Amino acid sequence: MARDVFEQAMEMYPVLRNLGIEYKISPNPEERRMLEFYPPNERGAPDKPRPKELPINKLGVEIYNDPEYKKYYDDFVQSMTPEQKERLKGQYGHYVSKEGEKRPYEQWEQMTGLPAYFRGYPFKQWSDEFNQVAYTPEQREMFDRMMNQLSNTIPTSRPTIIK
């Protein structure tokens, strides 16, 4: 069964698991925003109220859209070179021998390895020197476009909180 974007985010960023975030996926291709974040006790705007499925006393996220980022992810995976696939297998070997990884490679690859490789360059988790050899120029260009698009969709002001 396919995992939704929030489940993938929790896998990529384990700290999210302990925050008690409630979420609701509300697919809406017409919505310009990708998601809406609700701090505890925020009711939302009159024209965009907090969904009733998100308990008022908890952090809440309503996800509208992420097909563009999924396409970037899928395109990256499809563009991986044999050298990159071998690098990923080497990373898995490290986690098995040094970190106690127990999952079979295929499961680790889908849930941990590929998501980590995907975010390494665009989120600057690895050094510039490593990124120059770990990613092709085309992949780096694709990630730069993705991050530029992401930075253009992030609101620059906070919404008014109605209590």
Protein backbone atom coordinates (compact mmCIF):
# COMPACT_ATOMS: atom_id res chain seq x y z
CA MET A 1 0.00 0.00 0.00
CA ALA A 2 1.35 3.44 -0.93
CA ARG A 3 2.29 5.70 1.96
CA ASP A 4 0.97 9.22 1.94
CA VAL A 5 3.23 12.25 2.02
CA PHE A 6 2.90 12.75 5.79
CA GLU A 7 3.85 9.16 6.53
CA GLN A 8 6.87 9.62 4.26
CA ALA A 9 7.80 12.83 6.10
CA MET A 10 7.65 11.00 9.44
CA GLU A 11 9.97 8.33 8.04
CA MET A 12 12.38 10.95 6.69
CA TYR A 13 12.26 13.09 9.85
CA PRO A 14 11.69 10.81 12.88
CA VAL A 15 11.42 13.81 15.22
CA LEU A 16 7.95 14.42 13.74
CA ARG A 17 6.67 11.18 15.27
CA ASN A 18 6.89 12.54 18.80
CA LEU A 19 5.23 15.90 18.18
CA GLY A 20 1.65 14.65 18.26
CA ILE A 21 0.82 16.18 14.91
CA GLU A 22 -2.59 15.33 13.53
CA TYR A 23 -3.04 15.53 9.80
CA LYS A 24 -5.64 15.32 7.12
CA ILE A 25 -5.11 14.88 3.41
CA SER A 26 -7.54 16.99 1.40
CA PRO A 27 -6.60 16.52 -2.26
CA ASN A 28 -7.40 19.72 -4.10
CA PRO A 29 -5.58 20.33 -7.40
CA GLU A 30 -7.16 23.80 -7.56
CA GLU A 31 -5.55 24.84 -4.26
CA ARG A 32 -2.44 26.95 -4.82
CA ARG A 33 -1.01 26.11 -1.41
CA MET A 34 0.53 22.73 -0.68
CA LEU A 35 -0.53 22.57 2.95
CA GLU A 36 -1.84 24.51 5.92
CA PHE A 37 -0.35 24.35 9.41
CA TYR A 38 -2.52 24.88 12.50
CA PRO A 39 -0.91 25.49 15.90
CA PRO A 40 -2.88 24.20 18.91
CA ASN A 41 -6.08 26.18 19.51
CA GLU A 42 -5.99 27.91 16.11
CA ARG A 43 -9.41 27.77 14.49
CA GLY A 44 -8.31 29.01 11.08
CA ALA A 45 -9.71 31.86 9.02
CA PRO A 46 -13.47 32.29 8.57
CA ASP A 47 -13.18 31.32 4.90
CA LYS A 48 -10.69 28.49 5.59
CA PRO A 49 -11.54 27.00 8.99
CA ARG A 50 -9.53 24.30 10.69
CA PRO A 51 -10.86 20.90 9.55
CA LYS A 52 -13.06 19.25 12.17
CA GLU A 53 -10.90 16.10 11.91
CA LEU A 54 -7.94 17.98 13.46
CA PRO A 55 -8.37 18.19 17.26
CA ILE A 56 -8.24 21.82 18.35
CA ASN A 57 -5.73 21.18 21.16
CA LYS A 58 -3.09 19.59 18.89
CA LEU A 59 -0.78 20.63 16.09
CA GLY A 60 -2.53 20.07 12.79
CA VAL A 61 -1.53 19.90 9.15
CA GLU A 62 -3.90 19.80 6.22
CA ILE A 63 -2.18 18.64 3.03
CA TYR A 64 -3.70 19.75 -0.26
CA ASN A 65 -1.19 19.02 -2.94
CA ASP A 66 2.21 17.46 -3.51
CA PRO A 67 2.19 15.87 -6.98
CA GLU A 68 4.97 18.12 -8.24
CA TYR A 69 7.34 17.03 -5.49
CA LYS A 70 6.41 13.40 -5.96
CA LYS A 71 7.31 13.83 -9.62
CA TYR A 72 10.70 15.24 -8.63
CA TYR A 73 11.23 12.25 -6.35
CA ASP A 74 10.17 9.76 -9.03
CA ASP A 75 12.32 11.51 -11.66
CA PHE A 76 15.32 11.41 -9.34
CA VAL A 77 14.91 7.69 -8.63
CA GLN A 78 14.57 6.97 -12.34
CA SER A 79 17.69 9.02 -13.11
CA MET A 80 19.96 7.23 -10.64
CA THR A 81 23.16 5.97 -12.20
CA PRO A 82 24.67 2.54 -11.50
CA GLU A 83 27.32 4.31 -9.39
CA GLN A 84 24.63 5.97 -7.26
CA LYS A 85 22.86 2.67 -6.76
CA GLU A 86 26.13 1.12 -5.61
CA ARG A 87 26.73 4.06 -3.25
CA LEU A 88 23.28 3.42 -1.77
CA LYS A 89 24.11 -0.26 -1.25
CA GLY A 90 27.33 0.81 0.47
CA GLN A 91 25.36 3.06 2.79
CA TYR A 92 23.07 0.15 3.60
CA GLY A 93 26.10 -2.02 4.39
CA HIS A 94 27.31 0.64 6.82
CA TYR A 95 23.93 0.76 8.58
CA VAL A 96 23.82 -3.03 8.85
CA SER A 97 27.34 -3.40 10.25
CA LYS A 98 27.61 -0.22 12.35
CA GLU A 99 24.06 0.88 13.18
CA GLY A 100 22.21 -2.41 13.65
CA GLU A 101 19.94 -2.11 10.61
CA LYS A 102 17.82 -5.27 10.39
CA ARG A 103 15.44 -4.60 7.50
CA PRO A 104 16.05 -6.27 4.14
CA TYR A 105 17.76 -4.00 1.61
CA GLU A 106 14.64 -3.47 -0.50
CA GLN A 107 12.63 -2.24 2.49
CA TRP A 108 15.46 -0.03 3.76
CA GLU A 109 15.99 1.36 0.25
CA GLN A 110 12.33 2.37 -0.18
CA MET A 111 11.75 3.72 3.33
CA THR A 112 15.12 5.21 4.24
CA GLY A 113 17.84 5.03 1.61
CA LEU A 114 16.14 6.65 -1.37
CA PRO A 115 14.42 9.39 0.68
CA ALA A 116 17.75 10.24 2.34
CA TYR A 117 19.55 10.34 -1.01
CA PHE A 118 16.75 12.48 -2.44
CA ARG A 119 17.03 15.13 0.29
CA GLY A 120 20.84 15.11 0.69
CA TYR A 121 21.66 17.74 -1.92
CA PRO A 122 18.58 20.00 -1.92
CA PHE A 123 18.44 20.28 1.88
CA LYS A 124 22.23 20.63 2.20
CA GLN A 125 22.59 17.61 4.44
CA TRP A 126 25.86 16.66 2.76
CA SER A 127 28.99 18.66 1.95
CA ASP A 128 29.31 20.48 -1.35
CA GLU A 129 32.33 18.33 -2.19
CA PHE A 130 30.35 15.13 -1.69
CA ASN A 131 27.35 16.49 -3.60
CA GLN A 132 29.56 17.16 -6.62
CA VAL A 133 30.31 13.43 -6.92
CA ALA A 134 27.10 12.00 -5.45
CA TYR A 135 24.73 13.70 -7.95
CA THR A 136 24.86 14.26 -11.66
CA PRO A 137 24.81 17.86 -12.97
CA GLU A 138 21.30 17.21 -14.31
CA GLN A 139 20.09 16.02 -10.90
CA ARG A 140 21.59 19.05 -9.16
CA GLU A 141 19.88 21.31 -11.69
CA MET A 142 16.56 19.53 -11.11
CA PHE A 143 16.92 19.92 -7.33
CA ASP A 144 17.80 23.59 -7.71
CA ARG A 145 14.57 24.09 -9.70
CA MET A 146 12.61 22.19 -7.06
CA MET A 147 14.02 24.26 -4.20
CA ASN A 148 13.43 27.49 -6.11
CA GLN A 149 9.82 26.43 -6.65
CA LEU A 150 9.50 25.50 -2.99
CA SER A 151 10.88 28.83 -1.82
CA ASN A 152 8.38 30.62 -4.05
CA THR A 153 5.43 28.76 -2.51
CA ILE A 154 6.27 29.35 1.14
CA PRO A 155 4.18 32.21 2.54
CA THR A 156 6.19 35.18 3.74
CA SER A 157 3.75 36.21 6.45
CA ARG A 158 1.97 34.27 9.17
CA PRO A 159 -1.80 33.91 8.96
CA THR A 160 -3.92 35.68 11.51
CA ILE A 161 -4.77 33.41 14.43
CA ILE A 162 -8.41 33.54 15.43
CA LYS A 163 -9.13 32.48 19.00
